[in-house]
Amino acid sequence: MEESTPDFAAHVLSTPTTSADATTAPRPFRTPDTLKECVLTCTTETKPLLLAMLLRAIHQQNNQCNVLIFTGTVKNTHRLCRLLQILDVMEHHPAVRTAATLGGSSSDSSSDSGSDSGGSDAEEHVGREEEDVHSHARSLLPYLSQTSVLEYSSMVPAKQRASHLKRFAAAPSTNNNKQHHQRQCRVLVCSDAGARGLDIEQVTDVINYDVPNEAKTYVHRVGRTARAGRNGTAYTMLKPGQMGSYHSMMKSITHNAIQVYPTQSERVEVLKELYVKSLTVLKQVMELEEDEGQ
């Protein structure tokens, strides 16, 4: 892993500064001494795919990981959680993946077959397609709730949030029962507002999917791991246009050396086909939830 100066953004954009520099003002915030801090550079288009790659790499390194992912809004929290859940289902349930592929093909062929028909026939085809899409999306919902990815935001009812938190905070199980394993929560997707007051001991990794606007928020997020002298890792996903604000924010934080996480192209390619299929399914699920007022 490539290592930069203690201020990654300063290293990229201007002269590096450190907390030991007598010419700079004292930094009011500090991250844990045992925290490893990393950045991933991305674009809007590659960001979700790189997150999926990162989660897979974290899990391969530690199959008992507990990962908190922070987004900037409740809407982003829900959408991102759904995408990660769908990726998980598509990867571990081949039958669901096949059905998703066939469903897309069927929809396309239905559209073609109705192109030469009259108006009423075309409307009937559209209606059937919408029913098929909703039926397929609805059949996925039970799978999504059984993945290792859960949501913690105000969009989730309080009782369900408590259940999600309990599953995430539970000690790692040695039970090899397949059904039990599917119910283990390893990734909790949070909004800042939803995560207020969370007190979880065994968080191994924190991912800033959306860059926080303030140093206080950054320190609050990454401080969920590396607690009580334990090791932990925090990742921040940065788009080129966010380097300046990140640089300004980190100037007020005393922190360890920040490393640049390598986004290996071969790892990304492995997930790309699955990711594209998952985006199609995500659209179906989001449309179903919107139509049914979920």
Protein backbone atom coordinates (compact mmCIF):
# COMPACT_ATOMS: atom_id res chain seq x y z
CA MET A 1 0.00 0.00 0.00
CA GLU A 2 1.42 3.37 -1.00
CA GLU A 3 2.06 5.73 1.91
CA SER A 4 2.01 9.51 1.68
CA THR A 5 2.85 12.34 4.04
CA PRO A 6 0.67 12.78 7.17
CA ASP A 7 -1.58 15.13 5.13
CA PHE A 8 -2.44 13.32 1.92
CA ALA A 9 -4.38 16.18 0.38
CA ALA A 10 -1.70 18.68 1.38
CA HIS A 11 0.86 16.38 -0.25
CA VAL A 12 -1.18 16.45 -3.45
CA LEU A 13 -2.20 20.09 -3.50
CA SER A 14 0.37 22.16 -1.60
CA THR A 15 3.22 22.10 0.90
CA PRO A 16 2.80 19.33 3.50
CA THR A 17 2.05 20.36 7.09
CA THR A 18 2.14 18.35 10.31
CA SER A 19 0.98 18.89 13.86
CA ALA A 20 4.62 19.16 14.92
CA ASP A 21 5.18 22.25 12.77
CA ALA A 22 5.68 25.16 15.16
CA THR A 23 4.50 27.67 12.54
CA THR A 24 1.00 26.21 12.37
CA ALA A 25 -1.84 26.73 14.80
CA PRO A 26 -2.73 23.91 17.22
CA ARG A 27 -5.12 21.36 15.75
CA PRO A 28 -8.33 21.09 17.79
CA PHE A 29 -9.18 17.52 16.75
CA ARG A 30 -7.32 14.23 16.94
CA THR A 31 -7.86 10.71 15.62
CA PRO A 32 -6.93 7.59 17.66
CA ASP A 33 -3.24 6.67 17.72
CA THR A 34 -4.05 3.08 16.71
CA LEU A 35 -6.12 4.14 13.69
CA LYS A 36 -4.87 3.48 10.16
CA GLU A 37 -6.26 6.10 7.77
CA CYS A 38 -6.57 5.57 4.01
CA VAL A 39 -8.04 7.36 1.02
CA LEU A 40 -9.43 5.93 -2.21
CA THR A 41 -9.62 8.13 -5.28
CA CYS A 42 -12.72 7.59 -7.40
CA THR A 43 -15.18 9.19 -9.80
CA THR A 44 -18.95 9.42 -9.45
CA GLU A 45 -19.29 6.49 -11.85
CA THR A 46 -16.71 4.20 -10.22
CA LYS A 47 -17.50 5.02 -6.59
CA PRO A 48 -20.07 2.26 -5.82
CA LEU A 49 -18.04 -0.36 -7.67
CA LEU A 50 -14.86 0.58 -5.80
CA LEU A 51 -16.76 0.39 -2.53
CA ALA A 52 -17.87 -3.14 -3.40
CA MET A 53 -14.26 -4.04 -4.21
CA LEU A 54 -13.08 -2.56 -0.91
CA LEU A 55 -15.67 -4.47 1.14
CA ARG A 56 -14.67 -7.72 -0.52
CA ALA A 57 -11.00 -7.04 0.20
CA ILE A 58 -11.74 -6.20 3.85
CA HIS A 59 -13.75 -9.39 4.30
CA GLN A 60 -11.05 -11.52 2.65
CA GLN A 61 -8.51 -10.08 5.07
CA ASN A 62 -10.78 -10.51 8.11
CA ASN A 63 -13.92 -12.62 7.80
CA GLN A 64 -15.04 -11.41 11.25
CA CYS A 65 -14.96 -7.73 10.25
CA ASN A 66 -17.60 -5.24 11.37
CA VAL A 67 -17.77 -2.30 8.95
CA LEU A 68 -19.59 1.01 9.39
CA ILE A 69 -20.29 2.94 6.17
CA PHE A 70 -21.25 6.60 6.47
CA THR A 71 -23.17 8.56 3.85
CA GLY A 72 -24.20 12.20 3.78
CA THR A 73 -27.98 11.81 3.55
CA VAL A 74 -30.72 9.40 4.57
CA LYS A 75 -31.66 8.90 0.91
CA ASN A 76 -28.09 7.95 0.00
CA THR A 77 -27.97 5.59 2.98
CA HIS A 78 -31.03 3.66 1.83
CA ARG A 79 -30.04 3.48 -1.83
CA LEU A 80 -26.47 2.41 -1.08
CA CYS A 81 -27.62 -0.22 1.41
CA ARG A 82 -30.03 -1.66 -1.16
CA LEU A 83 -27.27 -1.81 -3.80
CA LEU A 84 -24.87 -3.61 -1.47
CA GLN A 85 -27.61 -6.02 -0.41
CA ILE A 86 -28.43 -6.81 -4.03
CA LEU A 87 -24.75 -7.36 -4.85
CA ASP A 88 -24.54 -9.76 -1.91
CA VAL A 89 -27.62 -11.69 -3.02
CA MET A 90 -26.55 -11.80 -6.67
CA GLU A 91 -23.12 -13.12 -5.66
CA HIS A 92 -24.26 -15.82 -3.23
CA HIS A 93 -27.55 -16.92 -4.82
CA PRO A 94 -26.95 -17.99 -8.47
CA ALA A 95 -30.65 -18.72 -9.00
CA VAL A 96 -31.53 -15.11 -8.16
CA ARG A 97 -28.79 -13.85 -10.48
CA THR A 98 -30.12 -16.02 -13.32
CA ALA A 99 -33.68 -14.86 -12.71
CA ALA A 100 -32.55 -11.23 -12.83
CA THR A 101 -30.85 -11.81 -16.19
CA LEU A 102 -33.84 -13.65 -17.64
CA GLY A 103 -36.22 -11.02 -16.28
CA GLY A 104 -34.36 -8.28 -18.14
CA SER A 105 -34.34 -10.28 -21.37
CA SER A 106 -38.02 -11.10 -21.07
CA SER A 107 -38.87 -7.46 -20.58
CA ASP A 108 -36.89 -6.47 -23.67
CA SER A 109 -38.52 -9.15 -25.82
CA SER A 110 -41.98 -8.14 -24.62
CA SER A 111 -41.32 -4.58 -25.69
CA ASP A 112 -40.20 -5.73 -29.13
CA SER A 113 -43.18 -8.01 -29.61
CA GLY A 114 -45.58 -5.17 -28.85
CA SER A 115 -43.99 -2.64 -31.18
CA ASP A 116 -46.26 -3.46 -34.15
CA SER A 117 -49.46 -3.83 -32.13
CA GLY A 118 -52.26 -1.35 -31.64
CA GLY A 119 -52.39 1.15 -28.81
CA SER A 120 -54.43 -1.03 -26.46
CA ASP A 121 -52.11 -4.00 -27.01
CA ALA A 122 -49.08 -1.82 -26.31
CA GLU A 123 -50.63 -0.55 -23.08
CA GLU A 124 -51.39 -4.13 -22.06
CA HIS A 125 -47.77 -5.12 -22.70
CA VAL A 126 -46.53 -2.20 -20.61
CA GLY A 127 -48.88 -3.14 -17.78
CA ARG A 128 -47.71 -6.75 -17.86
CA GLU A 129 -44.08 -5.67 -17.90
CA GLU A 130 -44.60 -3.43 -14.86
CA GLU A 131 -46.31 -6.29 -13.03
CA ASP A 132 -43.47 -8.67 -13.92
CA VAL A 133 -40.83 -6.17 -12.79
CA HIS A 134 -42.63 -5.51 -9.49
CA SER A 135 -43.18 -9.23 -8.96
CA HIS A 136 -39.50 -9.93 -9.47
CA ALA A 137 -38.44 -7.07 -7.20
CA ARG A 138 -40.92 -8.15 -4.52
CA SER A 139 -39.54 -11.71 -4.61
CA LEU A 140 -36.08 -10.33 -3.80
CA LEU A 141 -37.05 -8.44 -0.64
CA PRO A 142 -36.88 -11.47 1.72
CA TYR A 143 -33.35 -12.19 0.45
CA LEU A 144 -32.22 -8.61 1.04
CA SER A 145 -33.15 -8.67 4.72
CA GLN A 146 -31.04 -11.81 5.23
CA THR A 147 -27.77 -10.44 3.83
CA SER A 148 -24.79 -9.29 5.88
CA VAL A 149 -25.59 -5.65 4.99
CA LEU A 150 -28.15 -3.64 6.96
CA GLU A 151 -29.32 -0.03 7.15
CA TYR A 152 -29.36 2.27 10.16
CA SER A 153 -31.22 5.49 9.36
CA SER A 154 -34.48 7.27 10.06
CA MET A 155 -36.04 5.49 7.06
CA VAL A 156 -35.94 2.27 9.11
CA PRO A 157 -38.59 1.92 11.86
CA ALA A 158 -37.19 2.24 15.39
CA LYS A 159 -37.87 -1.39 16.34
CA GLN A 160 -36.16 -2.62 13.18
CA ARG A 161 -33.21 -0.27 13.73
CA ALA A 162 -32.74 -1.78 17.19
CA SER A 163 -32.77 -5.26 15.65
CA HIS A 164 -30.21 -4.24 13.03
CA LEU A 165 -27.96 -2.75 15.68
CA LYS A 166 -28.21 -5.87 17.82
CA ARG A 167 -27.22 -8.08 14.89
CA PHE A 168 -24.30 -5.82 14.04
CA ALA A 169 -23.04 -5.50 17.61
CA ALA A 170 -23.36 -9.23 18.37
CA ALA A 171 -20.13 -11.08 19.08
CA PRO A 172 -18.84 -13.16 16.13
CA SER A 173 -20.43 -16.59 16.10
CA THR A 174 -18.67 -19.91 15.61
CA ASN A 175 -21.96 -21.50 14.56
CA ASN A 176 -21.52 -22.93 11.07
CA ASN A 177 -25.24 -23.20 10.39
CA LYS A 178 -25.78 -21.68 6.95
CA GLN A 179 -29.02 -19.92 7.82
CA HIS A 180 -27.46 -18.43 10.95
CA HIS A 181 -24.46 -17.22 8.96
CA GLN A 182 -26.72 -15.45 6.49
CA ARG A 183 -28.24 -13.48 9.36
CA GLN A 184 -24.88 -12.18 10.61
CA CYS A 185 -24.57 -8.44 10.01
CA ARG A 186 -21.08 -7.43 8.96
CA VAL A 187 -21.83 -4.08 7.29
CA LEU A 188 -24.02 -1.30 8.70
CA VAL A 189 -24.80 1.61 6.36
CA CYS A 190 -25.50 4.78 8.38
CA SER A 191 -26.39 8.41 8.02
CA ASP A 192 -24.71 10.85 10.42
CA ALA A 193 -28.03 11.72 12.05
CA GLY A 194 -29.01 8.07 12.38
CA ALA A 195 -25.69 7.11 13.96
CA ARG A 196 -25.84 9.64 16.80
CA GLY A 197 -25.52 7.89 20.12
CA LEU A 198 -24.30 4.62 18.63
CA ASP A 199 -21.94 2.84 21.01
CA ILE A 200 -20.49 -0.29 19.40
CA GLU A 201 -17.29 -1.82 20.73
CA GLN A 202 -16.16 -4.14 17.94
CA VAL A 203 -16.06 -1.94 14.82
CA THR A 204 -13.04 -2.96 12.74
CA ASP A 205 -13.40 -0.56 9.81
CA VAL A 206 -15.12 2.74 8.99
CA ILE A 207 -15.75 3.90 5.42
CA ASN A 208 -16.55 7.53 4.61
CA TYR A 209 -18.51 6.88 1.42
CA ASP A 210 -19.52 10.54 1.40
CA VAL A 211 -16.82 12.91 2.63
CA PRO A 212 -17.89 14.74 5.80
CA ASN A 213 -18.12 18.53 5.64
CA GLU A 214 -16.50 19.19 9.02
CA ALA A 215 -13.47 17.93 10.92
CA LYS A 216 -15.66 17.24 13.95
CA THR A 217 -17.85 14.91 11.88
CA TYR A 218 -14.82 13.15 10.41
CA VAL A 219 -13.30 12.51 13.84
CA HIS A 220 -16.66 11.38 15.20
CA ARG A 221 -17.07 8.88 12.35
CA VAL A 222 -13.58 7.37 12.31
CA GLY A 223 -13.49 7.30 16.11
CA ARG A 224 -16.05 4.47 15.99
CA THR A 225 -13.12 2.13 15.39
CA ALA A 226 -9.64 1.84 16.99
CA ARG A 227 -11.22 2.25 20.43
CA ALA A 228 -9.65 1.34 23.78
CA GLY A 229 -6.24 0.75 22.20
CA ARG A 230 -7.51 -1.66 19.54
CA ASN A 231 -6.44 -1.37 15.92
CA GLY A 232 -8.86 -0.08 13.30
CA THR A 233 -8.92 1.30 9.77
CA ALA A 234 -10.78 4.26 8.26
CA TYR A 235 -11.22 4.76 4.52
CA THR A 236 -12.34 7.98 2.83
CA MET A 237 -13.54 7.93 -0.77
CA LEU A 238 -12.45 11.08 -2.61
CA LYS A 239 -13.39 12.45 -6.01
CA PRO A 240 -10.91 14.87 -7.65
CA GLY A 241 -13.10 17.90 -6.92
CA GLN A 242 -13.18 17.06 -3.20
CA MET A 243 -9.41 17.23 -2.65
CA GLY A 244 -9.44 20.90 -1.67
CA SER A 245 -12.13 20.62 1.01
CA TYR A 246 -10.53 17.43 2.33
CA HIS A 247 -7.20 19.22 2.57
CA SER A 248 -8.75 22.09 4.52
CA MET A 249 -10.56 19.73 6.88
CA MET A 250 -7.49 17.62 7.66
CA LYS A 251 -5.48 20.72 8.56
CA SER A 252 -7.46 20.96 11.81
CA ILE A 253 -6.93 17.30 12.74
CA THR A 254 -3.90 15.66 14.31
CA HIS A 255 -3.73 12.25 12.67
CA ASN A 256 -1.44 9.45 11.57
CA ALA A 257 0.15 9.02 8.16
CA ILE A 258 -2.57 8.68 5.52
CA GLN A 259 -2.16 5.91 2.99
CA VAL A 260 -3.42 5.73 -0.58
CA TYR A 261 -5.41 2.52 -0.99
CA PRO A 262 -4.52 0.81 -4.29
CA THR A 263 -7.55 0.19 -6.51
CA GLN A 264 -6.30 -2.79 -8.50
CA SER A 265 -8.03 -3.00 -11.88
CA GLU A 266 -8.24 -6.80 -11.85
CA ARG A 267 -10.24 -6.71 -8.60
CA VAL A 268 -12.63 -4.21 -10.10
CA GLU A 269 -13.09 -6.23 -13.31
CA VAL A 270 -14.12 -9.31 -11.33
CA LEU A 271 -17.11 -7.39 -9.92
CA LYS A 272 -18.06 -5.28 -12.93
CA GLU A 273 -20.50 -7.68 -14.62
CA LEU A 274 -22.22 -8.44 -11.32
CA TYR A 275 -22.37 -4.73 -10.53
CA VAL A 276 -24.06 -3.86 -13.84
CA LYS A 277 -26.73 -6.54 -13.27
CA SER A 278 -27.21 -5.32 -9.71
CA LEU A 279 -27.89 -1.77 -10.91
CA THR A 280 -30.75 -3.08 -13.05
CA VAL A 281 -32.22 -4.91 -10.07
CA LEU A 282 -31.70 -1.85 -7.85
CA LYS A 283 -33.81 0.24 -10.21
CA GLN A 284 -36.60 -2.35 -9.98
CA VAL A 285 -36.49 -2.47 -6.19
CA MET A 286 -36.42 1.32 -5.80
CA GLU A 287 -39.37 1.70 -8.19
CA LEU A 288 -41.34 -0.93 -6.26
CA GLU A 289 -40.67 0.81 -2.94
CA GLU A 290 -41.64 4.18 -4.39
CA ASP A 291 -44.85 2.84 -5.94
CA GLU A 292 -45.84 1.04 -2.75
CA GLY A 293 -44.84 3.91 -0.48
CA GLN A 294 -42.14 2.01 1.39
